[in-house]
Amino acid sequence: VEKPKQFMEVGGKPIIVLVLEKFIVHPGFDKVL
């Protein structure tokens, strides 16, 4: 593959974006690194 698997798409979005969406909506985090 041309790019790391976290950038491949599932459901029309990059996998890493799906992960970050779960983290960023959680109110418990100061920041997501």
PDB file of all heavy atoms in Angstrom:
ATOM      1  N   VAL A   1       0.847  -1.191   0.000  1.00  0.00           N
ATOM      2  CA  VAL A   1       0.000   0.000   0.000  1.00  0.00           C
ATOM      3  C   VAL A   1       0.883   1.243   0.000  1.00  0.00           C
ATOM      4  O   VAL A   1       2.022   1.220   0.448  1.00  0.00           O
ATOM      5  CB  VAL A   1      -0.948   0.016   1.239  1.00  0.00           C
ATOM      6  CG1 VAL A   1      -1.954  -1.110   1.134  1.00  0.00           C
ATOM      7  CG2 VAL A   1      -0.170  -0.093   2.541  1.00  0.00           C
ATOM      8  N   GLU A   2       0.321   2.331  -0.528  1.00  0.00           N
ATOM      9  CA  GLU A   2       1.116   3.540  -0.705  1.00  0.00           C
ATOM     10  C   GLU A   2       1.269   4.354   0.565  1.00  0.00           C
ATOM     11  O   GLU A   2       2.153   5.207   0.651  1.00  0.00           O
ATOM     12  CB  GLU A   2       0.473   4.404  -1.793  1.00  0.00           C
ATOM     13  CG  GLU A   2       0.495   3.763  -3.174  1.00  0.00           C
ATOM     14  CD  GLU A   2      -0.158   4.650  -4.214  1.00  0.00           C
ATOM     15  OE1 GLU A   2      -0.695   5.708  -3.834  1.00  0.00           O
ATOM     16  OE2 GLU A   2      -0.121   4.288  -5.400  1.00  0.00           O
ATOM     17  N   LYS A   3       0.392   4.134   1.522  1.00  0.00           N
ATOM     18  CA  LYS A   3       0.443   4.929   2.745  1.00  0.00           C
ATOM     19  C   LYS A   3       0.109   4.052   3.938  1.00  0.00           C
ATOM     20  O   LYS A   3      -0.494   2.984   3.781  1.00  0.00           O
ATOM     21  CB  LYS A   3      -0.521   6.116   2.653  1.00  0.00           C
ATOM     22  CG  LYS A   3      -1.948   5.751   2.292  1.00  0.00           C
ATOM     23  CD  LYS A   3      -2.748   7.004   1.964  1.00  0.00           C
ATOM     24  CE  LYS A   3      -4.144   6.655   1.456  1.00  0.00           C
ATOM     25  NZ  LYS A   3      -4.898   7.838   1.018  1.00  0.00           N
ATOM     26  N   PRO A   4       0.497   4.464   5.141  1.00  0.00           N
ATOM     27  CA  PRO A   4       0.210   3.671   6.343  1.00  0.00           C
ATOM     28  C   PRO A   4      -1.282   3.369   6.479  1.00  0.00           C
ATOM     29  O   PRO A   4      -2.136   4.152   6.049  1.00  0.00           O
ATOM     30  CB  PRO A   4       0.705   4.573   7.469  1.00  0.00           C
ATOM     31  CG  PRO A   4       1.783   5.401   6.843  1.00  0.00           C
ATOM     32  CD  PRO A   4       1.308   5.650   5.445  1.00  0.00           C
ATOM     33  N   LYS A   5      -1.572   2.221   7.090  1.00  0.00           N
ATOM     34  CA  LYS A   5      -2.956   1.727   7.134  1.00  0.00           C
ATOM     35  C   LYS A   5      -3.904   2.663   7.880  1.00  0.00           C
ATOM     36  O   LYS A   5      -5.107   2.661   7.608  1.00  0.00           O
ATOM     37  CB  LYS A   5      -2.981   0.326   7.767  1.00  0.00           C
ATOM     38  CG  LYS A   5      -2.384   0.264   9.161  1.00  0.00           C
ATOM     39  CD  LYS A   5      -2.182  -1.173   9.612  1.00  0.00           C
ATOM     40  CE  LYS A   5      -1.470  -1.222  10.956  1.00  0.00           C
ATOM     41  NZ  LYS A   5      -1.187  -2.594  11.403  1.00  0.00           N
ATOM     42  N   GLN A   6      -3.384   3.494   8.814  1.00  0.00           N
ATOM     43  CA  GLN A   6      -4.270   4.410   9.534  1.00  0.00           C
ATOM     44  C   GLN A   6      -4.902   5.459   8.618  1.00  0.00           C
ATOM     45  O   GLN A   6      -5.885   6.095   8.990  1.00  0.00           O
ATOM     46  CB  GLN A   6      -3.532   5.095  10.693  1.00  0.00           C
ATOM     47  CG  GLN A   6      -2.324   5.920  10.326  1.00  0.00           C
ATOM     48  CD  GLN A   6      -1.031   5.137  10.424  1.00  0.00           C
ATOM     49  OE1 GLN A   6      -1.024   3.909  10.272  1.00  0.00           O
ATOM     50  NE2 GLN A   6       0.070   5.822  10.710  1.00  0.00           N
ATOM     51  N   PHE A   7      -4.330   5.625   7.424  1.00  0.00           N
ATOM     52  CA  PHE A   7      -4.861   6.606   6.475  1.00  0.00           C
ATOM     53  C   PHE A   7      -5.797   5.978   5.441  1.00  0.00           C
ATOM     54  O   PHE A   7      -6.380   6.688   4.625  1.00  0.00           O
ATOM     55  CB  PHE A   7      -3.724   7.341   5.768  1.00  0.00           C
ATOM     56  CG  PHE A   7      -2.783   8.051   6.709  1.00  0.00           C
ATOM     57  CD1 PHE A   7      -1.416   7.833   6.648  1.00  0.00           C
ATOM     58  CD2 PHE A   7      -3.270   8.926   7.667  1.00  0.00           C
ATOM     59  CE1 PHE A   7      -0.555   8.484   7.515  1.00  0.00           C
ATOM     60  CE2 PHE A   7      -2.409   9.577   8.539  1.00  0.00           C
ATOM     61  CZ  PHE A   7      -1.051   9.358   8.467  1.00  0.00           C
ATOM     62  N   MET A   8      -5.918   4.663   5.462  1.00  0.00           N
ATOM     63  CA  MET A   8      -6.863   4.005   4.561  1.00  0.00           C
ATOM     64  C   MET A   8      -8.281   4.314   5.027  1.00  0.00           C
ATOM     65  O   MET A   8      -8.510   4.614   6.206  1.00  0.00           O
ATOM     66  CB  MET A   8      -6.592   2.505   4.531  1.00  0.00           C
ATOM     67  CG  MET A   8      -5.194   2.168   4.030  1.00  0.00           C
ATOM     68  SD  MET A   8      -4.847   0.403   3.982  1.00  0.00           S
ATOM     69  CE  MET A   8      -5.773  -0.052   2.529  1.00  0.00           C
ATOM     70  N   GLU A   9      -9.233   4.245   4.100  1.00  0.00           N
ATOM     71  CA  GLU A   9     -10.597   4.664   4.429  1.00  0.00           C
ATOM     72  C   GLU A   9     -11.511   3.490   4.760  1.00  0.00           C
ATOM     73  O   GLU A   9     -11.417   2.419   4.171  1.00  0.00           O
ATOM     74  CB  GLU A   9     -11.201   5.472   3.270  1.00  0.00           C
ATOM     75  CG  GLU A   9     -10.553   6.832   3.102  1.00  0.00           C
ATOM     76  CD  GLU A   9     -11.333   7.755   2.187  1.00  0.00           C
ATOM     77  OE1 GLU A   9     -12.383   7.325   1.651  1.00  0.00           O
ATOM     78  OE2 GLU A   9     -10.902   8.917   2.010  1.00  0.00           O
ATOM     79  N   VAL A  10     -12.376   3.747   5.729  1.00  0.00           N
ATOM     80  CA  VAL A  10     -13.466   2.837   6.079  1.00  0.00           C
ATOM     81  C   VAL A  10     -14.718   3.698   6.202  1.00  0.00           C
ATOM     82  O   VAL A  10     -14.708   4.717   6.897  1.00  0.00           O
ATOM     83  CB  VAL A  10     -13.193   2.099   7.416  1.00  0.00           C
ATOM     84  CG1 VAL A  10     -14.444   1.368   7.887  1.00  0.00           C
ATOM     85  CG2 VAL A  10     -12.039   1.122   7.268  1.00  0.00           C
ATOM     86  N   GLY A  11     -15.754   3.317   5.490  1.00  0.00           N
ATOM     87  CA  GLY A  11     -16.976   4.110   5.549  1.00  0.00           C
ATOM     88  C   GLY A  11     -16.796   5.527   5.040  1.00  0.00           C
ATOM     89  O   GLY A  11     -17.482   6.450   5.480  1.00  0.00           O
ATOM     90  N   GLY A  12     -15.838   5.710   4.115  1.00  0.00           N
ATOM     91  CA  GLY A  12     -15.643   7.019   3.509  1.00  0.00           C
ATOM     92  C   GLY A  12     -14.765   7.973   4.288  1.00  0.00           C
ATOM     93  O   GLY A  12     -14.601   9.129   3.901  1.00  0.00           O
ATOM     94  N   LYS A  13     -14.156   7.490   5.387  1.00  0.00           N
ATOM     95  CA  LYS A  13     -13.263   8.341   6.171  1.00  0.00           C
ATOM     96  C   LYS A  13     -11.977   7.587   6.489  1.00  0.00           C
ATOM     97  O   LYS A  13     -12.002   6.357   6.649  1.00  0.00           O
ATOM     98  CB  LYS A  13     -13.918   8.758   7.499  1.00  0.00           C
ATOM     99  CG  LYS A  13     -15.054   9.745   7.374  1.00  0.00           C
ATOM    100  CD  LYS A  13     -15.572  10.126   8.769  1.00  0.00           C
ATOM    101  CE  LYS A  13     -16.724  11.111   8.699  1.00  0.00           C
ATOM    102  NZ  LYS A  13     -17.220  11.463  10.050  1.00  0.00           N
ATOM    103  N   PRO A  14     -10.856   8.289   6.622  1.00  0.00           N
ATOM    104  CA  PRO A  14      -9.622   7.633   7.068  1.00  0.00           C
ATOM    105  C   PRO A  14      -9.825   7.005   8.449  1.00  0.00           C
ATOM    106  O   PRO A  14     -10.514   7.576   9.303  1.00  0.00           O
ATOM    107  CB  PRO A  14      -8.607   8.776   7.118  1.00  0.00           C
ATOM    108  CG  PRO A  14      -9.153   9.811   6.196  1.00  0.00           C
ATOM    109  CD  PRO A  14     -10.641   9.717   6.319  1.00  0.00           C
ATOM    110  N   ILE A  15      -9.225   5.840   8.654  1.00  0.00           N
ATOM    111  CA  ILE A  15      -9.398   5.117   9.917  1.00  0.00           C
ATOM    112  C   ILE A  15      -8.993   5.982  11.105  1.00  0.00           C
ATOM    113  O   ILE A  15      -9.679   6.023  12.127  1.00  0.00           O
ATOM    114  CB  ILE A  15      -8.578   3.805   9.896  1.00  0.00           C
ATOM    115  CG1 ILE A  15      -9.078   2.889   8.781  1.00  0.00           C
ATOM    116  CG2 ILE A  15      -8.659   3.097  11.243  1.00  0.00           C
ATOM    117  CD1 ILE A  15      -8.155   1.719   8.464  1.00  0.00           C
ATOM    118  N   ILE A  16      -7.886   6.705  10.980  1.00  0.00           N
ATOM    119  CA  ILE A  16      -7.416   7.527  12.091  1.00  0.00           C
ATOM    120  C   ILE A  16      -8.423   8.623  12.445  1.00  0.00           C
ATOM    121  O   ILE A  16      -8.582   8.981  13.624  1.00  0.00           O
ATOM    122  CB  ILE A  16      -6.022   8.127  11.812  1.00  0.00           C
ATOM    123  CG1 ILE A  16      -5.448   8.760  13.089  1.00  0.00           C
ATOM    124  CG2 ILE A  16      -6.065   9.127  10.666  1.00  0.00           C
ATOM    125  CD1 ILE A  16      -4.007   9.193  12.959  1.00  0.00           C
ATOM    126  N   VAL A  17      -9.145   9.121  11.463  1.00  0.00           N
ATOM    127  CA  VAL A  17     -10.169  10.132  11.725  1.00  0.00           C
ATOM    128  C   VAL A  17     -11.310   9.529  12.548  1.00  0.00           C
ATOM    129  O   VAL A  17     -11.821  10.154  13.482  1.00  0.00           O
ATOM    130  CB  VAL A  17     -10.694  10.739  10.411  1.00  0.00           C
ATOM    131  CG1 VAL A  17     -11.948  11.581  10.650  1.00  0.00           C
ATOM    132  CG2 VAL A  17      -9.607  11.580   9.754  1.00  0.00           C
ATOM    133  N   LEU A  18     -11.699   8.291  12.209  1.00  0.00           N
ATOM    134  CA  LEU A  18     -12.746   7.611  12.986  1.00  0.00           C
ATOM    135  C   LEU A  18     -12.329   7.458  14.450  1.00  0.00           C
ATOM    136  O   LEU A  18     -13.144   7.633  15.362  1.00  0.00           O
ATOM    137  CB  LEU A  18     -13.043   6.236  12.371  1.00  0.00           C
ATOM    138  CG  LEU A  18     -13.597   6.233  10.946  1.00  0.00           C
ATOM    139  CD1 LEU A  18     -13.711   4.801  10.434  1.00  0.00           C
ATOM    140  CD2 LEU A  18     -14.956   6.922  10.894  1.00  0.00           C
ATOM    141  N   VAL A  19     -11.055   7.136  14.661  1.00  0.00           N
ATOM    142  CA  VAL A  19     -10.534   7.011  16.036  1.00  0.00           C
ATOM    143  C   VAL A  19     -10.582   8.364  16.747  1.00  0.00           C
ATOM    144  O   VAL A  19     -11.078   8.476  17.871  1.00  0.00           O
ATOM    145  CB  VAL A  19      -9.096   6.460  16.021  1.00  0.00           C
ATOM    146  CG1 VAL A  19      -8.480   6.540  17.420  1.00  0.00           C
ATOM    147  CG2 VAL A  19      -9.072   5.030  15.520  1.00  0.00           C
ATOM    148  N   LEU A  20     -10.082   9.391  16.074  1.00  0.00           N
ATOM    149  CA  LEU A  20     -10.019  10.715  16.701  1.00  0.00           C
ATOM    150  C   LEU A  20     -11.403  11.270  17.005  1.00  0.00           C
ATOM    151  O   LEU A  20     -11.591  11.956  18.011  1.00  0.00           O
ATOM    152  CB  LEU A  20      -9.237  11.682  15.813  1.00  0.00           C
ATOM    153  CG  LEU A  20      -7.733  11.423  15.744  1.00  0.00           C
ATOM    154  CD1 LEU A  20      -7.083  12.308  14.682  1.00  0.00           C
ATOM    155  CD2 LEU A  20      -7.077  11.650  17.103  1.00  0.00           C
ATOM    156  N   GLU A  21     -12.373  10.948  16.177  1.00  0.00           N
ATOM    157  CA  GLU A  21     -13.738  11.395  16.450  1.00  0.00           C
ATOM    158  C   GLU A  21     -14.251  10.826  17.765  1.00  0.00           C
ATOM    159  O   GLU A  21     -14.951  11.516  18.522  1.00  0.00           O
ATOM    160  CB  GLU A  21     -14.663  11.000  15.295  1.00  0.00           C
ATOM    161  CG  GLU A  21     -14.479  11.849  14.050  1.00  0.00           C
ATOM    162  CD  GLU A  21     -15.329  11.396  12.886  1.00  0.00           C
ATOM    163  OE1 GLU A  21     -15.787  10.225  12.888  1.00  0.00           O
ATOM    164  OE2 GLU A  21     -15.535  12.205  11.958  1.00  0.00           O
ATOM    165  N   LYS A  22     -13.895   9.574  18.060  1.00  0.00           N
ATOM    166  CA  LYS A  22     -14.312   8.952  19.328  1.00  0.00           C
ATOM    167  C   LYS A  22     -13.643   9.644  20.516  1.00  0.00           C
ATOM    168  O   LYS A  22     -14.254   9.820  21.573  1.00  0.00           O
ATOM    169  CB  LYS A  22     -13.946   7.463  19.328  1.00  0.00           C
ATOM    170  CG  LYS A  22     -14.647   6.633  18.259  1.00  0.00           C
ATOM    171  CD  LYS A  22     -16.115   6.454  18.575  1.00  0.00           C
ATOM    172  CE  LYS A  22     -16.806   5.591  17.536  1.00  0.00           C
ATOM    173  NZ  LYS A  22     -16.388   4.182  17.559  1.00  0.00           N
ATOM    174  N   PHE A  23     -12.381  10.023  20.336  1.00  0.00           N
ATOM    175  CA  PHE A  23     -11.639  10.634  21.441  1.00  0.00           C
ATOM    176  C   PHE A  23     -12.022  12.093  21.650  1.00  0.00           C
ATOM    177  O   PHE A  23     -12.176  12.544  22.786  1.00  0.00           O
ATOM    178  CB  PHE A  23     -10.135  10.510  21.180  1.00  0.00           C
ATOM    179  CG  PHE A  23      -9.542   9.230  21.703  1.00  0.00           C
ATOM    180  CD1 PHE A  23      -9.855   8.006  21.118  1.00  0.00           C
ATOM    181  CD2 PHE A  23      -8.678   9.229  22.787  1.00  0.00           C
ATOM    182  CE1 PHE A  23      -9.331   6.814  21.607  1.00  0.00           C
ATOM    183  CE2 PHE A  23      -8.136   8.053  23.291  1.00  0.00           C
ATOM    184  CZ  PHE A  23      -8.466   6.840  22.696  1.00  0.00           C
ATOM    185  N   ILE A  24     -12.187  12.833  20.567  1.00  0.00           N
ATOM    186  CA  ILE A  24     -12.386  14.275  20.702  1.00  0.00           C
ATOM    187  C   ILE A  24     -13.766  14.613  21.272  1.00  0.00           C
ATOM    188  O   ILE A  24     -13.948  15.669  21.878  1.00  0.00           O
ATOM    189  CB  ILE A  24     -12.149  14.988  19.349  1.00  0.00           C
ATOM    190  CG1 ILE A  24     -11.781  16.452  19.568  1.00  0.00           C
ATOM    191  CG2 ILE A  24     -13.318  14.844  18.430  1.00  0.00           C
ATOM    192  CD1 ILE A  24     -10.457  16.676  20.246  1.00  0.00           C
ATOM    193  N   VAL A  25     -14.741  13.716  21.089  1.00  0.00           N
ATOM    194  CA  VAL A  25     -16.069  13.995  21.650  1.00  0.00           C
ATOM    195  C   VAL A  25     -16.149  13.613  23.130  1.00  0.00           C
ATOM    196  O   VAL A  25     -17.104  13.988  23.808  1.00  0.00           O
ATOM    197  CB  VAL A  25     -17.194  13.271  20.877  1.00  0.00           C
ATOM    198  CG1 VAL A  25     -17.230  13.726  19.442  1.00  0.00           C
ATOM    199  CG2 VAL A  25     -17.062  11.758  20.973  1.00  0.00           C
ATOM    200  N   HIS A  26     -15.159  12.878  23.626  1.00  0.00           N
ATOM    201  CA  HIS A  26     -15.183  12.508  25.046  1.00  0.00           C
ATOM    202  C   HIS A  26     -14.770  13.721  25.876  1.00  0.00           C
ATOM    203  O   HIS A  26     -13.706  14.307  25.651  1.00  0.00           O
ATOM    204  CB  HIS A  26     -14.253  11.330  25.325  1.00  0.00           C
ATOM    205  CG  HIS A  26     -14.516  10.690  26.654  1.00  0.00           C
ATOM    206  ND1 HIS A  26     -14.202  11.301  27.850  1.00  0.00           N
ATOM    207  CD2 HIS A  26     -15.120   9.511  26.976  1.00  0.00           C
ATOM    208  CE1 HIS A  26     -14.578  10.522  28.845  1.00  0.00           C
ATOM    209  NE2 HIS A  26     -15.130   9.428  28.344  1.00  0.00           N
ATOM    210  N   PRO A  27     -15.589  14.100  26.849  1.00  0.00           N
ATOM    211  CA  PRO A  27     -15.308  15.316  27.617  1.00  0.00           C
ATOM    212  C   PRO A  27     -14.170  15.166  28.623  1.00  0.00           C
ATOM    213  O   PRO A  27     -13.755  16.158  29.233  1.00  0.00           O
ATOM    214  CB  PRO A  27     -16.630  15.579  28.348  1.00  0.00           C
ATOM    215  CG  PRO A  27     -17.244  14.218  28.505  1.00  0.00           C
ATOM    216  CD  PRO A  27     -16.865  13.461  27.268  1.00  0.00           C
ATOM    217  N   GLY A  28     -13.653  13.954  28.781  1.00  0.00           N
ATOM    218  CA  GLY A  28     -12.671  13.721  29.827  1.00  0.00           C
ATOM    219  C   GLY A  28     -11.248  14.125  29.502  1.00  0.00           C
ATOM    220  O   GLY A  28     -10.386  14.131  30.384  1.00  0.00           O
ATOM    221  N   PHE A  29     -10.971  14.472  28.238  1.00  0.00           N
ATOM    222  CA  PHE A  29      -9.597  14.743  27.829  1.00  0.00           C
ATOM    223  C   PHE A  29      -9.284  16.234  27.789  1.00  0.00           C
ATOM    224  O   PHE A  29     -10.061  17.032  27.266  1.00  0.00           O
ATOM    225  CB  PHE A  29      -9.322  14.152  26.443  1.00  0.00           C
ATOM    226  CG  PHE A  29      -9.392  12.652  26.384  1.00  0.00           C
ATOM    227  CD1 PHE A  29     -10.368  12.024  25.629  1.00  0.00           C
ATOM    228  CD2 PHE A  29      -8.476  11.874  27.074  1.00  0.00           C
ATOM    229  CE1 PHE A  29     -10.433  10.644  25.572  1.00  0.00           C
ATOM    230  CE2 PHE A  29      -8.530  10.492  27.028  1.00  0.00           C
ATOM    231  CZ  PHE A  29      -9.510   9.868  26.272  1.00  0.00           C
ATOM    232  N   ASP A  30      -8.109  16.588  28.302  1.00  0.00           N
ATOM    233  CA  ASP A  30      -7.591  17.942  28.108  1.00  0.00           C
ATOM    234  C   ASP A  30      -7.149  18.122  26.664  1.00  0.00           C
ATOM    235  O   ASP A  30      -7.447  19.127  26.026  1.00  0.00           O
ATOM    236  CB  ASP A  30      -6.392  18.195  29.037  1.00  0.00           C
ATOM    237  CG  ASP A  30      -6.807  18.276  30.487  1.00  0.00           C
ATOM    238  OD1 ASP A  30      -7.402  19.278  30.862  1.00  0.00           O
ATOM    239  OD2 ASP A  30      -6.541  17.310  31.233  1.00  0.00           O
ATOM    240  N   LYS A  31      -6.390  17.131  26.163  1.00  0.00           N
ATOM    241  CA  LYS A  31      -5.928  17.147  24.784  1.00  0.00           C
ATOM    242  C   LYS A  31      -5.853  15.713  24.272  1.00  0.00           C
ATOM    243  O   LYS A  31      -5.782  14.758  25.061  1.00  0.00           O
ATOM    244  CB  LYS A  31      -4.531  17.786  24.653  1.00  0.00           C
ATOM    245  CG  LYS A  31      -4.511  19.302  24.700  1.00  0.00           C
ATOM    246  CD  LYS A  31      -3.122  19.833  24.335  1.00  0.00           C
ATOM    247  CE  LYS A  31      -3.143  21.362  24.271  1.00  0.00           C
ATOM    248  NZ  LYS A  31      -1.818  21.903  23.878  1.00  0.00           N
ATOM    249  N   VAL A  32      -5.850  15.595  22.956  1.00  0.00           N
ATOM    250  CA  VAL A  32      -5.615  14.308  22.313  1.00  0.00           C
ATOM    251  C   VAL A  32      -4.331  14.450  21.496  1.00  0.00           C
ATOM    252  O   VAL A  32      -4.243  15.291  20.605  1.00  0.00           O
ATOM    253  CB  VAL A  32      -6.791  13.899  21.407  1.00  0.00           C
ATOM    254  CG1 VAL A  32      -6.482  12.570  20.719  1.00  0.00           C
ATOM    255  CG2 VAL A  32      -8.087  13.793  22.210  1.00  0.00           C
ATOM    256  N   LEU A  33      -3.337  13.654  21.832  1.00  0.00           N
ATOM    257  CA  LEU A  33      -2.041  13.695  21.154  1.00  0.00           C
ATOM    258  C   LEU A  33      -1.980  12.582  20.117  1.00  0.00           C
ATOM    259  O   LEU A  33      -2.297  11.427  20.417  1.00  0.00           O
ATOM    260  CB  LEU A  33      -0.905  13.525  22.167  1.00  0.00           C
ATOM    261  CG  LEU A  33      -0.957  14.424  23.411  1.00  0.00           C
ATOM    262  CD1 LEU A  33       0.243  14.130  24.316  1.00  0.00           C
ATOM    263  CD2 LEU A  33      -1.001  15.896  23.025  1.00  0.00           C
TER     264      LEU A  33
END
